[in-house]
PDB file of N, CA and C in Angstrom:
ATOM      1  N   MET A   1      80.597  11.068  98.358  1.00  0.00           N
ATOM      2  CA  MET A   1      79.216  12.365  98.405  1.00  0.00           C
ATOM      3  C   MET A   1      80.072  13.612  98.379  1.00  0.00           C
ATOM      4  N   SER A   2      79.881  14.229  97.617  1.00  0.00           N
ATOM      5  CA  SER A   2      80.130  15.722  97.557  1.00  0.00           C
ATOM      6  C   SER A   2      79.934  16.571  98.646  1.00  0.00           C
ATOM      7  N   LYS A   3      80.595  17.653  99.036  1.00  0.00           N
ATOM      8  CA  LYS A   3      80.204  18.420 100.010  1.00  0.00           C
ATOM      9  C   LYS A   3      79.402  19.740  99.543  1.00  0.00           C
ATOM     10  N   ARG A   4      78.779  20.159 100.206  1.00  0.00           N
ATOM     11  CA  ARG A   4      77.853  21.639  99.945  1.00  0.00           C
ATOM     12  C   ARG A   4      78.441  22.516  99.835  1.00  0.00           C
ATOM     13  N   LYS A   5      78.577  23.614  98.691  1.00  0.00           N
ATOM     14  CA  LYS A   5      79.174  24.675  98.661  1.00  0.00           C
ATOM     15  C   LYS A   5      78.113  25.615  98.792  1.00  0.00           C
ATOM     16  N   LEU A   6      77.961  26.719  99.434  1.00  0.00           N
ATOM     17  CA  LEU A   6      77.132  27.661  99.419  1.00  0.00           C
ATOM     18  C   LEU A   6      77.897  29.203  99.389  1.00  0.00           C
ATOM     19  N   THR A   7      77.210  30.166  98.787  1.00  0.00           N
ATOM     20  CA  THR A   7      77.697  31.410  98.851  1.00  0.00           C
ATOM     21  C   THR A   7      76.739  32.345  99.475  1.00  0.00           C
ATOM     22  N   GLY A   8      77.229  33.386 100.480  1.00  0.00           N
ATOM     23  CA  GLY A   8      76.453  34.257 101.235  1.00  0.00           C
ATOM     24  C   GLY A   8      77.427  35.390 101.778  1.00  0.00           C
ATOM     25  N   GLN A   9      76.512  36.149 102.620  1.00  0.00           N
ATOM     26  CA  GLN A   9      77.090  37.287 103.078  1.00  0.00           C
ATOM     27  C   GLN A   9      77.578  37.095 104.668  1.00  0.00           C
ATOM     28  N   VAL A  10      78.724  37.658 104.904  1.00  0.00           N
ATOM     29  CA  VAL A  10      79.015  37.461 106.286  1.00  0.00           C
ATOM     30  C   VAL A  10      77.954  38.452 107.194  1.00  0.00           C
ATOM     31  N   THR A  11      77.215  38.338 108.181  1.00  0.00           N
ATOM     32  CA  THR A  11      76.412  39.063 108.954  1.00  0.00           C
ATOM     33  C   THR A  11      76.985  39.268 110.454  1.00  0.00           C
ATOM     34  N   SER A  12      77.909  38.454 110.866  1.00  0.00           N
ATOM     35  CA  SER A  12      78.526  38.501 112.112  1.00  0.00           C
ATOM     36  C   SER A  12      79.935  38.073 112.143  1.00  0.00           C
ATOM     37  N   ASP A  13      80.655  38.935 112.798  1.00  0.00           N
ATOM     38  CA  ASP A  13      82.286  38.338 112.944  1.00  0.00           C
ATOM     39  C   ASP A  13      82.587  38.878 114.331  1.00  0.00           C
ATOM     40  N   LYS A  14      81.608  38.896 115.342  1.00  0.00           N
ATOM     41  CA  LYS A  14      82.044  39.109 116.481  1.00  0.00           C
ATOM     42  C   LYS A  14      82.776  37.849 117.594  1.00  0.00           C
ATOM     43  N   MET A  15      82.537  36.522 117.069  1.00  0.00           N
ATOM     44  CA  MET A  15      83.040  35.502 117.572  1.00  0.00           C
ATOM     45  C   MET A  15      84.611  35.252 117.140  1.00  0.00           C
ATOM     46  N   ASN A  16      85.413  34.592 117.801  1.00  0.00           N
ATOM     47  CA  ASN A  16      86.528  34.213 117.685  1.00  0.00           C
ATOM     48  C   ASN A  16      86.702  33.129 116.620  1.00  0.00           C
ATOM     49  N   LYS A  17      87.281  33.164 115.556  1.00  0.00           N
ATOM     50  CA  LYS A  17      87.431  32.139 114.341  1.00  0.00           C
ATOM     51  C   LYS A  17      86.072  31.583 113.875  1.00  0.00           C
ATOM     52  N   THR A  18      84.806  32.311 114.077  1.00  0.00           N
ATOM     53  CA  THR A  18      83.712  32.090 113.797  1.00  0.00           C
ATOM     54  C   THR A  18      82.966  33.077 112.973  1.00  0.00           C
ATOM     55  N   ARG A  19      82.199  32.884 111.829  1.00  0.00           N
ATOM     56  CA  ARG A  19      81.364  33.763 111.239  1.00  0.00           C
ATOM     57  C   ARG A  19      80.211  33.086 110.888  1.00  0.00           C
ATOM     58  N   VAL A  20      79.168  34.149 111.032  1.00  0.00           N
ATOM     59  CA  VAL A  20      77.759  33.823 110.553  1.00  0.00           C
ATOM     60  C   VAL A  20      77.460  34.209 109.200  1.00  0.00           C
ATOM     61  N   VAL A  21      77.074  33.361 108.424  1.00  0.00           N
ATOM     62  CA  VAL A  21      77.125  33.778 106.986  1.00  0.00           C
ATOM     63  C   VAL A  21      75.539  33.647 106.605  1.00  0.00           C
ATOM     64  N   THR A  22      74.931  34.496 106.025  1.00  0.00           N
ATOM     65  CA  THR A  22      73.601  34.498 105.462  1.00  0.00           C
ATOM     66  C   THR A  22      73.445  33.960 103.841  1.00  0.00           C
ATOM     67  N   VAL A  23      72.848  32.833 104.070  1.00  0.00           N
ATOM     68  CA  VAL A  23      72.509  32.448 102.488  1.00  0.00           C
ATOM     69  C   VAL A  23      71.293  32.675 102.082  1.00  0.00           C
ATOM     70  N   THR A  24      71.017  33.618 100.804  1.00  0.00           N
ATOM     71  CA  THR A  24      69.767  34.044 100.364  1.00  0.00           C
ATOM     72  C   THR A  24      69.447  32.941  99.027  1.00  0.00           C
ATOM     73  N   ARG A  25      68.353  32.641  98.752  1.00  0.00           N
ATOM     74  CA  ARG A  25      68.005  31.957  97.795  1.00  0.00           C
ATOM     75  C   ARG A  25      66.836  32.455  97.282  1.00  0.00           C
ATOM     76  N   THR A  26      66.405  32.168  96.025  1.00  0.00           N
ATOM     77  CA  THR A  26      64.825  32.702  95.589  1.00  0.00           C
ATOM     78  C   THR A  26      64.263  31.612  95.243  1.00  0.00           C
ATOM     79  N   VAL A  27      62.842  31.432  95.611  1.00  0.00           N
ATOM     80  CA  VAL A  27      62.069  30.215  95.325  1.00  0.00           C
ATOM     81  C   VAL A  27      60.875  30.816  94.532  1.00  0.00           C
ATOM     82  N   ARG A  28      60.164  30.029  94.128  1.00  0.00           N
ATOM     83  CA  ARG A  28      58.909  30.297  93.625  1.00  0.00           C
ATOM     84  C   ARG A  28      57.650  29.791  94.524  1.00  0.00           C
ATOM     85  N   HIS A  29      56.743  30.721  94.887  1.00  0.00           N
ATOM     86  CA  HIS A  29      55.685  30.463  95.669  1.00  0.00           C
ATOM     87  C   HIS A  29      54.572  29.304  95.102  1.00  0.00           C
ATOM     88  N   PRO A  30      54.437  28.069  95.872  1.00  0.00           N
ATOM     89  CA  PRO A  30      53.694  27.038  94.974  1.00  0.00           C
ATOM     90  C   PRO A  30      52.338  27.567  95.036  1.00  0.00           C
ATOM     91  N   ILE A  31      51.848  28.352  95.394  1.00  0.00           N
ATOM     92  CA  ILE A  31      50.383  28.551  94.941  1.00  0.00           C
ATOM     93  C   ILE A  31      50.324  29.791  94.127  1.00  0.00           C
ATOM     94  N   ASN A  32      50.855  31.058  94.244  1.00  0.00           N
ATOM     95  CA  ASN A  32      50.580  31.971  93.527  1.00  0.00           C
ATOM     96  C   ASN A  32      52.009  32.428  92.432  1.00  0.00           C
ATOM     97  N   GLY A  33      52.832  31.564  92.647  1.00  0.00           N
ATOM     98  CA  GLY A  33      53.892  31.677  91.492  1.00  0.00           C
ATOM     99  C   GLY A  33      54.663  32.901  91.772  1.00  0.00           C
ATOM    100  N   LYS A  34      54.500  33.474  92.760  1.00  0.00           N
ATOM    101  CA  LYS A  34      55.415  34.851  92.799  1.00  0.00           C
ATOM    102  C   LYS A  34      56.749  34.642  93.451  1.00  0.00           C
ATOM    103  N   VAL A  35      57.849  35.020  92.969  1.00  0.00           N
ATOM    104  CA  VAL A  35      59.185  34.653  93.436  1.00  0.00           C
ATOM    105  C   VAL A  35      59.707  35.438  94.510  1.00  0.00           C
ATOM    106  N   ILE A  36      59.915  34.656  95.821  1.00  0.00           N
ATOM    107  CA  ILE A  36      60.144  35.187  96.785  1.00  0.00           C
ATOM    108  C   ILE A  36      61.559  34.707  97.241  1.00  0.00           C
ATOM    109  N   SER A  37      62.203  35.643  98.319  1.00  0.00           N
ATOM    110  CA  SER A  37      63.604  35.255  98.741  1.00  0.00           C
ATOM    111  C   SER A  37      63.592  34.448 100.180  1.00  0.00           C
ATOM    112  N   ARG A  38      64.318  33.335 100.357  1.00  0.00           N
ATOM    113  CA  ARG A  38      64.413  32.851 101.590  1.00  0.00           C
ATOM    114  C   ARG A  38      65.877  32.844 102.085  1.00  0.00           C
ATOM    115  N   SER A  39      66.061  33.000 103.218  1.00  0.00           N
ATOM    116  CA  SER A  39      67.660  33.127 103.772  1.00  0.00           C
ATOM    117  C   SER A  39      67.739  32.289 104.946  1.00  0.00           C
ATOM    118  N   LYS A  40      68.900  31.687 105.131  1.00  0.00           N
ATOM    119  CA  LYS A  40      69.271  30.982 106.364  1.00  0.00           C
ATOM    120  C   LYS A  40      70.547  31.293 106.810  1.00  0.00           C
ATOM    121  N   LYS A  41      71.015  31.091 108.163  1.00  0.00           N
ATOM    122  CA  LYS A  41      72.111  31.579 108.554  1.00  0.00           C
ATOM    123  C   LYS A  41      72.962  30.238 108.949  1.00  0.00           C
ATOM    124  N   TYR A  42      74.372  30.231 108.534  1.00  0.00           N
ATOM    125  CA  TYR A  42      75.202  29.287 108.948  1.00  0.00           C
ATOM    126  C   TYR A  42      76.497  29.766 109.661  1.00  0.00           C
ATOM    127  N   HIS A  43      76.771  28.956 110.624  1.00  0.00           N
ATOM    128  CA  HIS A  43      77.890  29.334 111.438  1.00  0.00           C
ATOM    129  C   HIS A  43      79.130  28.625 110.436  1.00  0.00           C
ATOM    130  N   ALA A  44      80.235  29.524 110.345  1.00  0.00           N
ATOM    131  CA  ALA A  44      81.029  28.814 109.603  1.00  0.00           C
ATOM    132  C   ALA A  44      82.610  29.201 110.423  1.00  0.00           C
ATOM    133  N   HIS A  45      83.467  28.450 110.235  1.00  0.00           N
ATOM    134  CA  HIS A  45      84.830  28.300 110.887  1.00  0.00           C
ATOM    135  C   HIS A  45      85.824  29.196 109.709  1.00  0.00           C
ATOM    136  N   ASP A  46      86.405  30.027 110.751  1.00  0.00           N
ATOM    137  CA  ASP A  46      87.457  30.862 109.832  1.00  0.00           C
ATOM    138  C   ASP A  46      88.584  31.083 110.581  1.00  0.00           C
ATOM    139  N   GLU A  47      89.479  30.122 110.273  1.00  0.00           N
ATOM    140  CA  GLU A  47      90.802  29.743 111.042  1.00  0.00           C
ATOM    141  C   GLU A  47      91.726  31.075 111.398  1.00  0.00           C
ATOM    142  N   HIS A  48      91.769  31.902 110.224  1.00  0.00           N
ATOM    143  CA  HIS A  48      92.684  32.938 110.326  1.00  0.00           C
ATOM    144  C   HIS A  48      91.762  34.399 110.593  1.00  0.00           C
ATOM    145  N   ASN A  49      90.457  34.240 110.763  1.00  0.00           N
ATOM    146  CA  ASN A  49      89.923  35.633 110.899  1.00  0.00           C
ATOM    147  C   ASN A  49      90.049  36.715 110.006  1.00  0.00           C
ATOM    148  N   ALA A  50      89.968  36.101 108.729  1.00  0.00           N
ATOM    149  CA  ALA A  50      90.396  36.643 107.308  1.00  0.00           C
ATOM    150  C   ALA A  50      89.154  37.506 106.836  1.00  0.00           C
ATOM    151  N   SER A  51      87.856  36.962 107.216  1.00  0.00           N
ATOM    152  CA  SER A  51      86.790  37.677 106.439  1.00  0.00           C
ATOM    153  C   SER A  51      86.307  38.765 107.717  1.00  0.00           C
ATOM    154  N   SER A  52      85.356  39.994 107.074  1.00  0.00           N
ATOM    155  CA  SER A  52      84.870  40.584 108.035  1.00  0.00           C
ATOM    156  C   SER A  52      83.435  40.786 107.571  1.00  0.00           C
ATOM    157  N   LEU A  53      82.720  41.737 108.545  1.00  0.00           N
ATOM    158  CA  LEU A  53      81.469  41.902 108.137  1.00  0.00           C
ATOM    159  C   LEU A  53      81.196  42.435 106.930  1.00  0.00           C
ATOM    160  N   GLY A  54      80.197  42.054 105.940  1.00  0.00           N
ATOM    161  CA  GLY A  54      79.741  42.566 104.765  1.00  0.00           C
ATOM    162  C   GLY A  54      80.465  41.899 103.702  1.00  0.00           C
ATOM    163  N   ASP A  55      81.413  40.766 103.836  1.00  0.00           N
ATOM    164  CA  ASP A  55      82.299  40.175 102.689  1.00  0.00           C
ATOM    165  C   ASP A  55      81.136  39.220 102.302  1.00  0.00           C
ATOM    166  N   THR A  56      81.372  39.079 101.080  1.00  0.00           N
ATOM    167  CA  THR A  56      80.764  37.906 100.152  1.00  0.00           C
ATOM    168  C   THR A  56      81.402  36.709 100.188  1.00  0.00           C
ATOM    169  N   VAL A  57      81.308  35.348 100.886  1.00  0.00           N
ATOM    170  CA  VAL A  57      82.181  34.444 100.991  1.00  0.00           C
ATOM    171  C   VAL A  57      81.701  33.155 100.444  1.00  0.00           C
ATOM    172  N   THR A  58      82.400  32.248 100.124  1.00  0.00           N
ATOM    173  CA  THR A  58      82.040  30.676  99.687  1.00  0.00           C
ATOM    174  C   THR A  58      82.218  29.888 101.084  1.00  0.00           C
ATOM    175  N   ILE A  59      81.417  29.247 101.537  1.00  0.00           N
ATOM    176  CA  ILE A  59      81.557  28.162 102.885  1.00  0.00           C
ATOM    177  C   ILE A  59      81.281  26.865 101.875  1.00  0.00           C
ATOM    178  N   PHE A  60      81.958  25.847 102.808  1.00  0.00           N
ATOM    179  CA  PHE A  60      81.793  24.299 102.194  1.00  0.00           C
ATOM    180  C   PHE A  60      81.445  23.340 103.507  1.00  0.00           C
ATOM    181  N   GLU A  61      80.867  22.359 103.260  1.00  0.00           N
ATOM    182  CA  GLU A  61      80.185  21.508 104.455  1.00  0.00           C
ATOM    183  C   GLU A  61      81.564  20.830 104.825  1.00  0.00           C
ATOM    184  N   SER A  62      81.519  20.563 106.232  1.00  0.00           N
ATOM    185  CA  SER A  62      82.555  19.644 106.837  1.00  0.00           C
ATOM    186  C   SER A  62      82.281  18.895 108.024  1.00  0.00           C
ATOM    187  N   ARG A  63      83.220  18.387 108.710  1.00  0.00           N
ATOM    188  CA  ARG A  63      82.723  17.509 109.887  1.00  0.00           C
ATOM    189  C   ARG A  63      82.273  18.444 110.938  1.00  0.00           C
ATOM    190  N   PRO A  64      81.510  18.343 111.902  1.00  0.00           N
ATOM    191  CA  PRO A  64      81.270  19.193 113.009  1.00  0.00           C
ATOM    192  C   PRO A  64      82.375  19.415 113.706  1.00  0.00           C
ATOM    193  N   ILE A  65      82.523  20.970 114.002  1.00  0.00           N
ATOM    194  CA  ILE A  65      83.782  21.513 114.773  1.00  0.00           C
ATOM    195  C   ILE A  65      82.969  21.722 115.907  1.00  0.00           C
ATOM    196  N   SER A  66      81.831  22.449 116.166  1.00  0.00           N
ATOM    197  CA  SER A  66      81.275  22.521 117.388  1.00  0.00           C
ATOM    198  C   SER A  66      79.800  22.435 117.576  1.00  0.00           C
ATOM    199  N   LYS A  67      79.092  22.656 118.404  1.00  0.00           N
ATOM    200  CA  LYS A  67      77.527  22.480 118.384  1.00  0.00           C
ATOM    201  C   LYS A  67      76.935  22.769 117.275  1.00  0.00           C
ATOM    202  N   LEU A  68      77.182  24.110 116.749  1.00  0.00           N
ATOM    203  CA  LEU A  68      76.645  24.840 115.694  1.00  0.00           C
ATOM    204  C   LEU A  68      77.510  24.731 114.285  1.00  0.00           C
ATOM    205  N   LYS A  69      78.722  24.722 114.442  1.00  0.00           N
ATOM    206  CA  LYS A  69      79.480  24.914 113.185  1.00  0.00           C
ATOM    207  C   LYS A  69      79.595  23.748 112.292  1.00  0.00           C
ATOM    208  N   ARG A  70      79.241  23.766 111.193  1.00  0.00           N
ATOM    209  CA  ARG A  70      79.443  22.592 110.244  1.00  0.00           C
ATOM    210  C   ARG A  70      79.817  22.883 108.887  1.00  0.00           C
ATOM    211  N   PHE A  71      80.543  24.138 108.891  1.00  0.00           N
ATOM    212  CA  PHE A  71      80.911  24.667 107.396  1.00  0.00           C
ATOM    213  C   PHE A  71      82.251  25.503 107.892  1.00  0.00           C
ATOM    214  N   GLN A  72      82.929  25.484 106.970  1.00  0.00           N
ATOM    215  CA  GLN A  72      84.177  26.204 106.643  1.00  0.00           C
ATOM    216  C   GLN A  72      84.408  27.145 105.695  1.00  0.00           C
ATOM    217  N   LEU A  73      85.011  28.221 106.041  1.00  0.00           N
ATOM    218  CA  LEU A  73      85.251  29.063 104.790  1.00  0.00           C
ATOM    219  C   LEU A  73      86.091  28.691 104.033  1.00  0.00           C
ATOM    220  N   ALA A  74      85.652  28.926 102.726  1.00  0.00           N
ATOM    221  CA  ALA A  74      86.576  28.419 101.572  1.00  0.00           C
ATOM    222  C   ALA A  74      87.214  29.799 101.005  1.00  0.00           C
ATOM    223  N   THR A  75      86.603  30.710 100.289  1.00  0.00           N
ATOM    224  CA  THR A  75      87.071  31.713  99.833  1.00  0.00           C
ATOM    225  C   THR A  75      86.367  32.763  99.904  1.00  0.00           C
ATOM    226  N   ILE A  76      87.216  34.035 100.028  1.00  0.00           N
ATOM    227  CA  ILE A  76      86.365  35.303 100.028  1.00  0.00           C
ATOM    228  C   ILE A  76      86.245  35.957  98.723  1.00  0.00           C
ATOM    229  N   ILE A  77      85.022  36.110  98.109  1.00  0.00           N
ATOM    230  CA  ILE A  77      84.811  36.443  96.704  1.00  0.00           C
ATOM    231  C   ILE A  77      85.140  37.847  96.634  1.00  0.00           C
ATOM    232  N   GLN A  78      84.448  38.683  97.649  1.00  0.00           N
ATOM    233  CA  GLN A  78      84.210  40.168  97.509  1.00  0.00           C
ATOM    234  C   GLN A  78      84.439  40.705  99.122  1.00  0.00           C
ATOM    235  N   LYS A  79      85.514  41.731  99.162  1.00  0.00           N
ATOM    236  CA  LYS A  79      85.605  42.198 100.385  1.00  0.00           C
ATOM    237  C   LYS A  79      84.534  43.598 100.577  1.00  0.00           C
ATOM    238  N   SER A  80      84.082  43.484 101.538  1.00  0.00           N
ATOM    239  CA  SER A  80      83.262  44.680 101.907  1.00  0.00           C
ATOM    240  C   SER A  80      83.626  46.003 101.740  1.00  0.00           C
ATOM    241  N   LYS A  81      82.925  46.880 101.380  1.00  0.00           N
ATOM    242  CA  LYS A  81      83.301  48.463 101.217  1.00  0.00           C
ATOM    243  C   LYS A  81      83.427  49.227 102.430  1.00  0.00           C
ATOM    244  N   THR A  82      83.094  48.779 103.424  1.00  0.00           N
ATOM    245  CA  THR A  82      83.057  49.581 104.825  1.00  0.00           C
ATOM    246  C   THR A  82      84.570  49.550 105.321  1.00  0.00           C
ATOM    247  N   ASP A  83      84.568  50.768 106.251  1.00  0.00           N
ATOM    248  CA  ASP A  83      86.090  50.759 106.682  1.00  0.00           C
ATOM    249  C   ASP A  83      86.198  50.300 108.048  1.00  0.00           C
ATOM    250  N   ASP A  84      86.936  49.077 108.435  1.00  0.00           N
ATOM    251  CA  ASP A  84      86.936  48.393 109.722  1.00  0.00           C
ATOM    252  C   ASP A  84      87.691  49.196 110.663  1.00  0.00           C
ATOM    253  N   THR A  85      88.296  50.532 110.385  1.00  0.00           N
ATOM    254  CA  THR A  85      88.734  51.060 111.419  1.00  0.00           C
ATOM    255  C   THR A  85      88.026  52.196 112.402  1.00  0.00           C
ATOM    256  N   THR A  86      86.701  52.301 111.572  1.00  0.00           N
ATOM    257  CA  THR A  86      85.643  53.035 112.413  1.00  0.00           C
ATOM    258  C   THR A  86      84.913  52.270 113.469  1.00  0.00           C
ATOM    259  N   ARG A  87      84.820  50.948 113.288  1.00  0.00           N
ATOM    260  CA  ARG A  87      84.147  49.824 113.751  1.00  0.00           C
ATOM    261  C   ARG A  87      84.784  49.908 115.296  1.00  0.00           C
ATOM    262  N   GLU A  88      83.940  49.632 116.496  1.00  0.00           N
ATOM    263  CA  GLU A  88      84.608  49.520 117.644  1.00  0.00           C
ATOM    264  C   GLU A  88      84.365  48.194 118.142  1.00  0.00           C
TER     265      GLU A  88
END
């Protein structure tokens, strides 16, 4: 069985070795046919704390690491343009 790979944006990096990644997808509404966006948040394991807020990342499904973490960080596709030194 292949593991799911998802691409999304890091929306929280306040936990140690954990990132919250928001994955947005577009679906067609079943009745009126309008294209709408749906998003879901996943907790992903980031062993080296490499990603930061706003980064676009790829995550993959893995064994359960904790109560909520079922994904691991695969690659950082694009770093965010925000400056990390101004953040407290």
